[in-house]
Amino acid sequence: MDNKTLSIVSYITIIGWLIAYVMGKDKMDSLLRYHLKQSLGLGLVSLAFSISLNIVASIVPALSFLGIIGYAIIVLWVIGIINAANGEMKPVPFIGKAFEDKFSFIG
């Protein structure tokens, strides 16, 4: 797979991220490195949001409607995939800038 395809795959669950990281480790370019950071950051935000929402909903069941915000995270995933497919290094809206200089182990 080329780096553009691996950039797209990196957004598809943690397994896709691992596949993209392992397969692209030797031939990593700036596009793949950028999208690996963006997708990992988005995945961590998604996980943190899910855990915190479950805690809040178990304490105050009336707030379980906040789960609809999860759809916004799905939209961010799609935007990231579109950016990767177009070969653009644009951050994911709202949270992407925070992950541009993080995760130094990626490269």
Protein backbone atom coordinates (compact mmCIF):
# COMPACT_ATOMS: atom_id res chain seq x y z
CA MET A 1 0.00 0.00 0.00
CA ASP A 2 1.16 3.52 -0.66
CA ASN A 3 1.32 6.20 2.02
CA LYS A 4 -1.90 7.88 0.90
CA THR A 5 -3.83 4.63 1.34
CA LEU A 6 -2.18 4.02 4.70
CA SER A 7 -3.18 7.53 5.74
CA ILE A 8 -6.81 6.67 5.01
CA VAL A 9 -6.56 3.29 6.77
CA SER A 10 -5.15 4.95 9.89
CA TYR A 11 -8.57 6.49 10.61
CA ILE A 12 -10.37 3.13 10.59
CA THR A 13 -10.32 1.99 14.24
CA ILE A 14 -7.24 1.26 16.29
CA ILE A 15 -6.57 -1.85 14.21
CA GLY A 16 -6.39 0.27 11.07
CA TRP A 17 -4.06 2.66 12.84
CA LEU A 18 -1.78 -0.19 13.88
CA ILE A 19 -1.76 -1.60 10.33
CA ALA A 20 -0.91 1.82 8.89
CA TYR A 21 1.83 2.38 11.46
CA VAL A 22 3.48 -1.02 11.05
CA MET A 23 3.24 -1.17 7.25
CA GLY A 24 4.37 2.43 6.77
CA LYS A 25 7.12 2.45 9.37
CA ASP A 26 9.93 2.00 6.85
CA LYS A 27 8.62 4.29 4.10
CA MET A 28 6.87 6.95 6.18
CA ASP A 29 6.54 10.39 4.61
CA SER A 30 5.15 13.62 6.06
CA LEU A 31 1.58 12.88 4.89
CA LEU A 32 1.40 9.50 6.62
CA ARG A 33 3.10 10.83 9.74
CA TYR A 34 0.63 13.73 9.92
CA HIS A 35 -2.47 11.56 9.54
CA LEU A 36 -1.18 8.97 11.99
CA LYS A 37 -0.93 11.74 14.59
CA GLN A 38 -4.34 13.15 13.73
CA SER A 39 -6.11 9.79 13.80
CA LEU A 40 -4.44 8.71 17.05
CA GLY A 41 -5.41 12.00 18.69
CA LEU A 42 -8.96 11.70 17.44
CA GLY A 43 -9.15 8.13 18.70
CA LEU A 44 -7.93 9.16 22.15
CA VAL A 45 -10.44 12.03 22.31
CA SER A 46 -13.19 9.64 21.24
CA LEU A 47 -12.21 7.13 23.92
CA ALA A 48 -12.02 9.80 26.64
CA PHE A 49 -15.39 11.22 25.58
CA SER A 50 -16.99 7.78 25.62
CA ILE A 51 -15.67 6.91 29.07
CA SER A 52 -16.64 10.27 30.57
CA LEU A 53 -20.10 10.14 28.99
CA ASN A 54 -20.71 6.66 30.39
CA ILE A 55 -19.73 7.85 33.86
CA VAL A 56 -21.94 10.93 33.65
CA ALA A 57 -24.88 8.94 32.25
CA SER A 58 -24.60 6.35 35.02
CA ILE A 59 -24.66 9.08 37.67
CA VAL A 60 -27.35 11.25 36.03
CA PRO A 61 -29.37 9.14 33.58
CA ALA A 62 -31.24 12.20 32.35
CA LEU A 63 -28.02 13.38 30.69
CA SER A 64 -27.66 10.32 28.51
CA PHE A 65 -28.99 12.37 25.60
CA LEU A 66 -25.47 13.85 25.41
CA GLY A 67 -24.53 10.71 23.50
CA ILE A 68 -25.75 12.50 20.40
CA ILE A 69 -22.49 14.48 20.54
CA GLY A 70 -20.83 11.22 19.52
CA TYR A 71 -22.12 11.86 16.02
CA ALA A 72 -19.88 14.94 15.88
CA ILE A 73 -16.90 12.67 16.45
CA ILE A 74 -18.00 10.51 13.53
CA VAL A 75 -18.14 13.63 11.36
CA LEU A 76 -14.57 14.48 12.44
CA TRP A 77 -13.45 10.96 11.44
CA VAL A 78 -15.01 11.43 8.00
CA ILE A 79 -13.35 14.83 7.57
CA GLY A 80 -10.00 13.26 8.48
CA ILE A 81 -10.50 10.48 5.94
CA ILE A 82 -11.43 13.00 3.24
CA ASN A 83 -8.33 15.07 4.00
CA ALA A 84 -6.16 11.95 3.80
CA ALA A 85 -7.79 10.85 0.54
CA ASN A 86 -7.11 14.27 -0.99
CA GLY A 87 -3.49 14.19 0.19
CA GLU A 88 -4.01 17.31 2.31
CA MET A 89 -2.33 17.92 5.63
CA LYS A 90 -5.20 19.87 7.19
CA PRO A 91 -6.01 19.38 10.88
CA VAL A 92 -9.28 17.84 11.97
CA PRO A 93 -11.58 20.73 13.01
CA PHE A 94 -11.62 21.84 16.67
CA ILE A 95 -9.09 19.33 18.01
CA GLY A 96 -6.61 18.61 15.23
CA LYS A 97 -4.23 21.50 15.97
CA ALA A 98 -3.55 20.03 19.42
CA PHE A 99 -2.08 16.85 17.92
CA GLU A 100 0.17 18.29 15.22
CA ASP A 101 3.21 18.39 17.49
CA LYS A 102 2.36 15.47 19.79
CA PHE A 103 3.21 11.76 19.58
CA SER A 104 6.91 12.10 18.83
CA PHE A 105 7.27 8.31 18.63
CA ILE A 106 5.54 8.44 15.24
CA GLY A 107 8.40 10.34 13.70
